Amino acid sequence: MIRLVERDEPYVYLREFLVPTLSQRYGEHPAAALSSVVPHLKRIGATLSGIVANDAHTYGYHLSAARLRGTGKAQDYSMTGPANAPAADQHAACAIDVGMAWPASRSWLEWVRTERAAGRLPQITELIGSTDGKTARYAAASTAWKWNRYTGGGHVAWCHVAIGRRWANDDDFGDALLGRWDANGQREDDMGPETTFTMPKLDGTGTEVVPLKTILPRLLGKLLEVEWALDGIKKRLDELDKKQ
């Protein structure tokens, strides 16, 4: 394809021929799930370091399924397993690199790992980053979601978050990944629906798993019931005293 370069006085540039990148050739674009992360990055002041791979990348989640197949890499590790097949979008790049210059970034990254290890954030298939700002580490199902030393380069100033290809169109992912965070930490007024406690049922018939957000209102309601019952008992005793 031909790209016309704008005239820049007092010089006039000639036409230059631009060879399409592999990304252009395979019609690659960010997965919708990762596009949903971008507004949250802007909100907290974090840098988007990249989603769609340049030509230097030859494997992995930054490449689309279409590009991997087209370049003879249909058996790439990022194409196998139930998280990746079938791909929801054959042209979607399924990894995002997030800058780590915002204050709570290292705490957030560790939170992401522990959430994934607990079975939450099931979209995520691998993490590469640094929780101490010094050493890059890797976590995935193959490491039981524990940090292992990363043998590649970089990934200290930024972290890599990959999602399974079948989750490419999950546009709620951004809220799940960063919705409860701001630049300085997790929001105090949002304890999260997945934060639960096992406690005795109020009717005394066993135990139940209760979301943290609902515990205080339920306990307050029960205390009010007790208070009303005590008021009723007191009134009845007063009536008996008057009759005597």
C-alpha atoms as a PDB file:
ATOM      1  CA  MET A   1       0.000   0.000   0.000  1.00  0.00           C
ATOM      2  CA  ILE A   2       1.118   3.592  -0.559  1.00  0.00           C
ATOM      3  CA  ARG A   3       1.148   6.232   2.130  1.00  0.00           C
ATOM      4  CA  LEU A   4       1.392   9.880   1.096  1.00  0.00           C
ATOM      5  CA  VAL A   5       3.575  11.921   3.444  1.00  0.00           C
ATOM      6  CA  GLU A   6       2.313  15.408   4.195  1.00  0.00           C
ATOM      7  CA  ARG A   7       4.110  18.413   2.723  1.00  0.00           C
ATOM      8  CA  ASP A   8       6.414  20.016   5.267  1.00  0.00           C
ATOM      9  CA  GLU A   9       7.602  23.444   4.111  1.00  0.00           C
ATOM     10  CA  PRO A  10      10.199  24.324   2.993  1.00  0.00           C
ATOM     11  CA  TYR A  11      10.797  20.670   2.085  1.00  0.00           C
ATOM     12  CA  VAL A  12       8.644  18.389  -0.005  1.00  0.00           C
ATOM     13  CA  TYR A  13       8.851  14.693   0.818  1.00  0.00           C
ATOM     14  CA  LEU A  14       8.408  12.072  -1.866  1.00  0.00           C
ATOM     15  CA  ARG A  15       5.950   9.217  -1.683  1.00  0.00           C
ATOM     16  CA  GLU A  16       7.144   6.313   0.383  1.00  0.00           C
ATOM     17  CA  PHE A  17       6.044   2.725   0.141  1.00  0.00           C
ATOM     18  CA  LEU A  18       4.805   1.146   3.331  1.00  0.00           C
ATOM     19  CA  VAL A  19       4.817  -2.640   3.653  1.00  0.00           C
ATOM     20  CA  PRO A  20       1.772  -3.780   5.655  1.00  0.00           C
ATOM     21  CA  THR A  21       2.645  -5.097   9.096  1.00  0.00           C
ATOM     22  CA  LEU A  22       1.643  -8.608  10.059  1.00  0.00           C
ATOM     23  CA  SER A  23      -0.963  -7.101  12.343  1.00  0.00           C
ATOM     24  CA  GLN A  24      -2.523  -5.224   9.425  1.00  0.00           C
ATOM     25  CA  ARG A  25      -2.310  -8.252   7.173  1.00  0.00           C
ATOM     26  CA  TYR A  26      -4.305 -10.380   9.626  1.00  0.00           C
ATOM     27  CA  GLY A  27      -6.741  -7.645  10.633  1.00  0.00           C
ATOM     28  CA  GLU A  28      -5.713  -7.717  14.284  1.00  0.00           C
ATOM     29  CA  HIS A  29      -7.329  -5.574  16.941  1.00  0.00           C
ATOM     30  CA  PRO A  30      -7.484  -5.525  20.757  1.00  0.00           C
ATOM     31  CA  ALA A  31      -9.903  -8.035  22.285  1.00  0.00           C
ATOM     32  CA  ALA A  32     -13.084  -6.321  23.463  1.00  0.00           C
ATOM     33  CA  ALA A  33     -12.317  -7.602  26.964  1.00  0.00           C
ATOM     34  CA  LEU A  34      -9.012  -5.711  26.952  1.00  0.00           C
ATOM     35  CA  SER A  35     -10.510  -2.597  25.396  1.00  0.00           C
ATOM     36  CA  SER A  36     -12.802  -2.502  28.437  1.00  0.00           C
ATOM     37  CA  VAL A  37      -9.698  -2.144  30.632  1.00  0.00           C
ATOM     38  CA  VAL A  38      -8.475   1.025  28.920  1.00  0.00           C
ATOM     39  CA  PRO A  39     -10.976   3.492  30.482  1.00  0.00           C
ATOM     40  CA  HIS A  40      -9.959   2.253  33.923  1.00  0.00           C
ATOM     41  CA  LEU A  41      -6.280   2.805  33.093  1.00  0.00           C
ATOM     42  CA  LYS A  42      -7.077   6.381  32.106  1.00  0.00           C
ATOM     43  CA  ARG A  43      -9.111   6.875  35.283  1.00  0.00           C
ATOM     44  CA  ILE A  44      -6.252   5.841  37.583  1.00  0.00           C
ATOM     45  CA  GLY A  45      -3.496   7.402  35.483  1.00  0.00           C
ATOM     46  CA  ALA A  46      -1.861   4.147  34.408  1.00  0.00           C
ATOM     47  CA  THR A  47      -0.071   3.781  31.089  1.00  0.00           C
ATOM     48  CA  LEU A  48      -1.246   1.383  28.407  1.00  0.00           C
ATOM     49  CA  SER A  49       2.009  -0.138  27.158  1.00  0.00           C
ATOM     50  CA  GLY A  50       0.436  -2.235  24.421  1.00  0.00           C
ATOM     51  CA  ILE A  51      -2.046  -4.895  23.318  1.00  0.00           C
ATOM     52  CA  VAL A  52      -1.539  -5.815  19.655  1.00  0.00           C
ATOM     53  CA  ALA A  53       1.925  -7.170  18.896  1.00  0.00           C
ATOM     54  CA  ASN A  54       4.392  -5.679  16.448  1.00  0.00           C
ATOM     55  CA  ASP A  55       6.264  -7.836  13.933  1.00  0.00           C
ATOM     56  CA  ALA A  56       8.954  -8.660  16.496  1.00  0.00           C
ATOM     57  CA  HIS A  57       6.490 -10.850  18.403  1.00  0.00           C
ATOM     58  CA  THR A  58       6.276 -14.378  17.018  1.00  0.00           C
ATOM     59  CA  TYR A  59       4.127 -16.226  19.555  1.00  0.00           C
ATOM     60  CA  GLY A  60       1.761 -15.828  22.506  1.00  0.00           C
ATOM     61  CA  TYR A  61      -1.343 -13.931  23.483  1.00  0.00           C
ATOM     62  CA  HIS A  62      -0.365 -10.582  21.967  1.00  0.00           C
ATOM     63  CA  LEU A  63      -0.967 -12.222  18.579  1.00  0.00           C
ATOM     64  CA  SER A  64      -4.388 -13.141  17.204  1.00  0.00           C
ATOM     65  CA  ALA A  65      -5.436 -16.707  16.470  1.00  0.00           C
ATOM     66  CA  ALA A  66      -5.637 -15.803  12.771  1.00  0.00           C
ATOM     67  CA  ARG A  67      -2.041 -14.564  12.703  1.00  0.00           C
ATOM     68  CA  LEU A  68      -0.715 -17.579  14.565  1.00  0.00           C
ATOM     69  CA  ARG A  69      -2.431 -19.952  12.144  1.00  0.00           C
ATOM     70  CA  GLY A  70      -1.337 -17.899   9.158  1.00  0.00           C
ATOM     71  CA  THR A  71       2.306 -18.009  10.256  1.00  0.00           C
ATOM     72  CA  GLY A  72       2.348 -21.754  10.923  1.00  0.00           C
ATOM     73  CA  LYS A  73       1.907 -21.590  14.702  1.00  0.00           C
ATOM     74  CA  ALA A  74      -1.536 -23.124  15.161  1.00  0.00           C
ATOM     75  CA  GLN A  75      -0.147 -25.221  18.043  1.00  0.00           C
ATOM     76  CA  ASP A  76       1.187 -22.221  19.966  1.00  0.00           C
ATOM     77  CA  TYR A  77       0.681 -22.595  23.730  1.00  0.00           C
ATOM     78  CA  SER A  78      -1.783 -19.684  23.648  1.00  0.00           C
ATOM     79  CA  MET A  79      -4.030 -21.617  21.252  1.00  0.00           C
ATOM     80  CA  THR A  80      -4.513 -24.799  23.283  1.00  0.00           C
ATOM     81  CA  GLY A  81      -6.710 -25.823  26.197  1.00  0.00           C
ATOM     82  CA  PRO A  82     -10.301 -25.014  27.148  1.00  0.00           C
ATOM     83  CA  ALA A  83      -9.518 -21.351  27.914  1.00  0.00           C
ATOM     84  CA  ASN A  84      -8.470 -20.775  24.309  1.00  0.00           C
ATOM     85  CA  ALA A  85     -10.670 -22.987  22.166  1.00  0.00           C
ATOM     86  CA  PRO A  86     -12.767 -21.968  20.516  1.00  0.00           C
ATOM     87  CA  ALA A  87     -11.496 -18.421  20.164  1.00  0.00           C
ATOM     88  CA  ALA A  88     -14.346 -15.948  20.503  1.00  0.00           C
ATOM     89  CA  ASP A  89     -12.659 -13.589  18.025  1.00  0.00           C
ATOM     90  CA  GLN A  90     -10.125 -14.963  15.549  1.00  0.00           C
ATOM     91  CA  HIS A  91      -8.548 -11.522  15.013  1.00  0.00           C
ATOM     92  CA  ALA A  92      -8.310 -10.381  18.640  1.00  0.00           C
ATOM     93  CA  ALA A  93      -5.027  -9.880  20.491  1.00  0.00           C
ATOM     94  CA  CYS A  94      -5.548 -11.280  23.980  1.00  0.00           C
ATOM     95  CA  ALA A  95      -2.839  -9.764  26.192  1.00  0.00           C
ATOM     96  CA  ILE A  96      -2.408  -6.299  27.642  1.00  0.00           C
ATOM     97  CA  ASP A  97       0.708  -4.610  29.064  1.00  0.00           C
ATOM     98  CA  VAL A  98      -0.017  -2.177  31.887  1.00  0.00           C
ATOM     99  CA  GLY A  99       2.468   0.423  33.106  1.00  0.00           C
ATOM    100  CA  MET A 100       3.406   0.140  36.781  1.00  0.00           C
ATOM    101  CA  ALA A 101       4.149   3.778  37.613  1.00  0.00           C
ATOM    102  CA  TRP A 102       0.905   4.389  39.546  1.00  0.00           C
ATOM    103  CA  PRO A 103       1.215   4.183  43.360  1.00  0.00           C
ATOM    104  CA  ALA A 104      -0.844   1.049  44.035  1.00  0.00           C
ATOM    105  CA  SER A 105       0.266  -0.915  40.967  1.00  0.00           C
ATOM    106  CA  ARG A 106       2.371  -3.523  42.808  1.00  0.00           C
ATOM    107  CA  SER A 107      -0.359  -4.178  45.378  1.00  0.00           C
ATOM    108  CA  TRP A 108      -2.883  -4.446  42.577  1.00  0.00           C
ATOM    109  CA  LEU A 109      -0.762  -6.986  40.691  1.00  0.00           C
ATOM    110  CA  GLU A 110      -0.469  -9.195  43.773  1.00  0.00           C
ATOM    111  CA  TRP A 111      -4.225  -8.878  44.310  1.00  0.00           C
ATOM    112  CA  VAL A 112      -4.824 -10.005  40.726  1.00  0.00           C
ATOM    113  CA  ARG A 113      -2.668 -13.084  41.289  1.00  0.00           C
ATOM    114  CA  THR A 114      -4.397 -14.047  44.544  1.00  0.00           C
ATOM    115  CA  GLU A 115      -7.834 -13.495  43.007  1.00  0.00           C
ATOM    116  CA  ARG A 116      -6.937 -15.746  40.099  1.00  0.00           C
ATOM    117  CA  ALA A 117      -5.454 -18.367  42.432  1.00  0.00           C
ATOM    118  CA  ALA A 118      -8.745 -18.382  44.364  1.00  0.00           C
ATOM    119  CA  GLY A 119     -10.685 -19.154  41.192  1.00  0.00           C
ATOM    120  CA  ARG A 120     -11.878 -15.635  40.572  1.00  0.00           C
ATOM    121  CA  LEU A 121     -10.906 -13.667  37.461  1.00  0.00           C
ATOM    122  CA  PRO A 122     -11.121 -16.913  35.451  1.00  0.00           C
ATOM    123  CA  GLN A 123     -10.437 -15.000  32.234  1.00  0.00           C
ATOM    124  CA  ILE A 124      -6.742 -14.636  33.091  1.00  0.00           C
ATOM    125  CA  THR A 125      -4.325 -17.267  31.757  1.00  0.00           C
ATOM    126  CA  GLU A 126      -0.942 -15.786  32.655  1.00  0.00           C
ATOM    127  CA  LEU A 127       0.682 -12.915  34.515  1.00  0.00           C
ATOM    128  CA  ILE A 128       4.187 -11.498  34.155  1.00  0.00           C
ATOM    129  CA  GLY A 129       5.293  -8.606  36.325  1.00  0.00           C
ATOM    130  CA  SER A 130       7.073  -7.421  39.439  1.00  0.00           C
ATOM    131  CA  THR A 131       5.494  -6.938  42.844  1.00  0.00           C
ATOM    132  CA  ASP A 132       8.681  -5.478  44.339  1.00  0.00           C
ATOM    133  CA  GLY A 133       9.781  -3.239  41.461  1.00  0.00           C
ATOM    134  CA  LYS A 134      12.996  -5.226  41.058  1.00  0.00           C
ATOM    135  CA  THR A 135      12.411  -8.785  39.873  1.00  0.00           C
ATOM    136  CA  ALA A 136       9.991  -9.917  37.166  1.00  0.00           C
ATOM    137  CA  ARG A 137       8.010 -13.062  37.934  1.00  0.00           C
ATOM    138  CA  TYR A 138       5.577 -15.325  36.105  1.00  0.00           C
ATOM    139  CA  ALA A 139       2.346 -16.953  37.295  1.00  0.00           C
ATOM    140  CA  ALA A 140      -0.057 -19.267  35.471  1.00  0.00           C
ATOM    141  CA  ALA A 141      -1.925 -22.525  35.949  1.00  0.00           C
ATOM    142  CA  SER A 142       1.381 -24.308  35.330  1.00  0.00           C
ATOM    143  CA  THR A 143       2.820 -22.683  38.491  1.00  0.00           C
ATOM    144  CA  ALA A 144      -0.376 -23.242  40.495  1.00  0.00           C
ATOM    145  CA  TRP A 145      -0.736 -19.435  40.327  1.00  0.00           C
ATOM    146  CA  LYS A 146       2.352 -18.931  42.467  1.00  0.00           C
ATOM    147  CA  TRP A 147       5.071 -16.542  41.393  1.00  0.00           C
ATOM    148  CA  ASN A 148       8.042 -18.139  39.611  1.00  0.00           C
ATOM    149  CA  ARG A 149      11.098 -16.224  38.447  1.00  0.00           C
ATOM    150  CA  TYR A 150      10.650 -14.967  34.897  1.00  0.00           C
ATOM    151  CA  THR A 151      13.590 -15.770  32.632  1.00  0.00           C
ATOM    152  CA  GLY A 152      12.753 -13.270  29.888  1.00  0.00           C
ATOM    153  CA  GLY A 153      13.471  -9.555  29.826  1.00  0.00           C
ATOM    154  CA  GLY A 154      11.570  -6.487  30.951  1.00  0.00           C
ATOM    155  CA  HIS A 155       8.221  -6.699  32.775  1.00  0.00           C
ATOM    156  CA  VAL A 156       9.324  -4.636  35.774  1.00  0.00           C
ATOM    157  CA  ALA A 157       8.203  -1.216  34.547  1.00  0.00           C
ATOM    158  CA  TRP A 158       5.100  -2.849  33.109  1.00  0.00           C
ATOM    159  CA  CYS A 159       3.119  -6.033  33.697  1.00  0.00           C
ATOM    160  CA  HIS A 160       1.595  -8.479  31.224  1.00  0.00           C
ATOM    161  CA  VAL A 161      -1.946  -9.799  31.690  1.00  0.00           C
ATOM    162  CA  ALA A 162      -3.187 -12.433  29.223  1.00  0.00           C
ATOM    163  CA  ILE A 163      -6.719 -13.739  28.906  1.00  0.00           C
ATOM    164  CA  GLY A 164      -8.023 -16.942  27.372  1.00  0.00           C
ATOM    165  CA  ARG A 165      -9.126 -16.528  23.758  1.00  0.00           C
ATOM    166  CA  ARG A 166     -12.648 -17.726  24.481  1.00  0.00           C
ATOM    167  CA  TRP A 167     -13.000 -14.730  26.832  1.00  0.00           C
ATOM    168  CA  ALA A 168     -12.024 -12.207  24.153  1.00  0.00           C
ATOM    169  CA  ASN A 169     -15.479 -10.617  23.980  1.00  0.00           C
ATOM    170  CA  ASP A 170     -16.063 -10.378  27.743  1.00  0.00           C
ATOM    171  CA  ASP A 171     -16.505  -6.624  27.998  1.00  0.00           C
ATOM    172  CA  ASP A 172     -17.100  -6.845  31.760  1.00  0.00           C
ATOM    173  CA  PHE A 173     -13.457  -7.814  32.262  1.00  0.00           C
ATOM    174  CA  GLY A 174     -12.275  -4.236  32.788  1.00  0.00           C
ATOM    175  CA  ASP A 175     -14.633  -3.771  35.735  1.00  0.00           C
ATOM    176  CA  ALA A 176     -13.526  -7.079  37.252  1.00  0.00           C
ATOM    177  CA  LEU A 177      -9.820  -6.277  36.833  1.00  0.00           C
ATOM    178  CA  LEU A 178      -9.696  -2.638  37.928  1.00  0.00           C
ATOM    179  CA  GLY A 179     -13.189  -1.482  38.844  1.00  0.00           C
ATOM    180  CA  ARG A 180     -12.547  -1.572  42.584  1.00  0.00           C
ATOM    181  CA  TRP A 181      -9.171   0.179  42.377  1.00  0.00           C
ATOM    182  CA  ASP A 182      -7.999   3.735  42.119  1.00  0.00           C
ATOM    183  CA  ALA A 183      -4.457   5.092  41.810  1.00  0.00           C
ATOM    184  CA  ASN A 184      -3.725   4.736  45.532  1.00  0.00           C
ATOM    185  CA  GLY A 185      -5.347   1.406  46.344  1.00  0.00           C
ATOM    186  CA  GLN A 186      -8.531  -0.574  46.620  1.00  0.00           C
ATOM    187  CA  ARG A 187     -11.587   1.516  47.404  1.00  0.00           C
ATOM    188  CA  GLU A 188     -12.566   1.264  51.056  1.00  0.00           C
ATOM    189  CA  ASP A 189     -16.276   1.480  50.245  1.00  0.00           C
ATOM    190  CA  ASP A 190     -16.198  -1.535  47.939  1.00  0.00           C
ATOM    191  CA  MET A 191     -15.396  -4.806  49.692  1.00  0.00           C
ATOM    192  CA  GLY A 192     -16.399  -6.857  46.685  1.00  0.00           C
ATOM    193  CA  PRO A 193     -19.198  -9.370  46.218  1.00  0.00           C
ATOM    194  CA  GLU A 194     -16.794 -12.286  46.339  1.00  0.00           C
ATOM    195  CA  THR A 195     -15.566 -11.447  49.850  1.00  0.00           C
ATOM    196  CA  THR A 196     -17.481 -13.931  51.996  1.00  0.00           C
ATOM    197  CA  PHE A 197     -17.643 -15.453  55.469  1.00  0.00           C
ATOM    198  CA  THR A 198     -19.035 -18.759  56.677  1.00  0.00           C
ATOM    199  CA  MET A 199     -21.315 -18.076  59.621  1.00  0.00           C
ATOM    200  CA  PRO A 200     -24.196 -19.754  61.509  1.00  0.00           C
ATOM    201  CA  LYS A 201     -27.596 -19.358  59.925  1.00  0.00           C
ATOM    202  CA  LEU A 202     -29.810 -16.940  61.806  1.00  0.00           C
ATOM    203  CA  ASP A 203     -32.452 -19.632  62.251  1.00  0.00           C
ATOM    204  CA  GLY A 204     -29.918 -21.970  63.894  1.00  0.00           C
ATOM    205  CA  THR A 205     -30.199 -24.735  61.265  1.00  0.00           C
ATOM    206  CA  GLY A 206     -26.548 -24.847  60.204  1.00  0.00           C
ATOM    207  CA  THR A 207     -24.064 -22.559  58.472  1.00  0.00           C
ATOM    208  CA  GLU A 208     -24.076 -20.554  55.261  1.00  0.00           C
ATOM    209  CA  VAL A 209     -21.647 -18.569  53.118  1.00  0.00           C
ATOM    210  CA  VAL A 210     -22.600 -14.906  53.354  1.00  0.00           C
ATOM    211  CA  PRO A 211     -21.203 -11.995  51.265  1.00  0.00           C
ATOM    212  CA  LEU A 212     -19.398  -9.535  53.507  1.00  0.00           C
ATOM    213  CA  LYS A 213     -21.539  -6.671  52.254  1.00  0.00           C
ATOM    214  CA  THR A 214     -24.706  -8.313  53.583  1.00  0.00           C
ATOM    215  CA  ILE A 215     -23.473  -9.322  57.036  1.00  0.00           C
ATOM    216  CA  LEU A 216     -23.766  -5.962  58.804  1.00  0.00           C
ATOM    217  CA  PRO A 217     -27.270  -5.164  57.488  1.00  0.00           C
ATOM    218  CA  ARG A 218     -28.462  -8.636  58.465  1.00  0.00           C
ATOM    219  CA  LEU A 219     -26.944  -8.407  61.939  1.00  0.00           C
ATOM    220  CA  LEU A 220     -28.411  -4.945  62.393  1.00  0.00           C
ATOM    221  CA  GLY A 221     -31.815  -6.282  61.443  1.00  0.00           C
ATOM    222  CA  LYS A 222     -31.522  -9.109  63.950  1.00  0.00           C
ATOM    223  CA  LEU A 223     -30.425  -6.694  66.693  1.00  0.00           C
ATOM    224  CA  LEU A 224     -33.470  -4.550  65.989  1.00  0.00           C
ATOM    225  CA  GLU A 225     -35.679  -7.625  66.279  1.00  0.00           C
ATOM    226  CA  VAL A 226     -34.112  -8.422  69.659  1.00  0.00           C
ATOM    227  CA  GLU A 227     -34.558  -4.810  70.778  1.00  0.00           C
ATOM    228  CA  TRP A 228     -38.227  -4.869  69.796  1.00  0.00           C
ATOM    229  CA  ALA A 229     -38.722  -8.171  71.602  1.00  0.00           C
ATOM    230  CA  LEU A 230     -37.114  -6.780  74.766  1.00  0.00           C
ATOM    231  CA  ASP A 231     -39.321  -3.696  74.554  1.00  0.00           C
ATOM    232  CA  GLY A 232     -42.355  -5.955  74.333  1.00  0.00           C
ATOM    233  CA  ILE A 233     -41.253  -7.975  77.359  1.00  0.00           C
ATOM    234  CA  LYS A 234     -40.606  -4.787  79.352  1.00  0.00           C
ATOM    235  CA  LYS A 235     -44.071  -3.420  78.517  1.00  0.00           C
ATOM    236  CA  ARG A 236     -45.671  -6.700  79.550  1.00  0.00           C
ATOM    237  CA  LEU A 237     -43.797  -6.718  82.855  1.00  0.00           C
ATOM    238  CA  ASP A 238     -44.875  -3.122  83.495  1.00  0.00           C
ATOM    239  CA  GLU A 239     -48.499  -4.083  82.890  1.00  0.00           C
ATOM    240  CA  LEU A 240     -48.200  -6.995  85.354  1.00  0.00           C
ATOM    241  CA  ASP A 241     -46.675  -4.699  87.965  1.00  0.00           C
ATOM    242  CA  LYS A 242     -49.595  -2.271  87.640  1.00  0.00           C
ATOM    243  CA  LYS A 243     -52.137  -5.084  88.102  1.00  0.00           C
ATOM    244  CA  GLN A 244     -50.448  -6.105  91.333  1.00  0.00           C
END
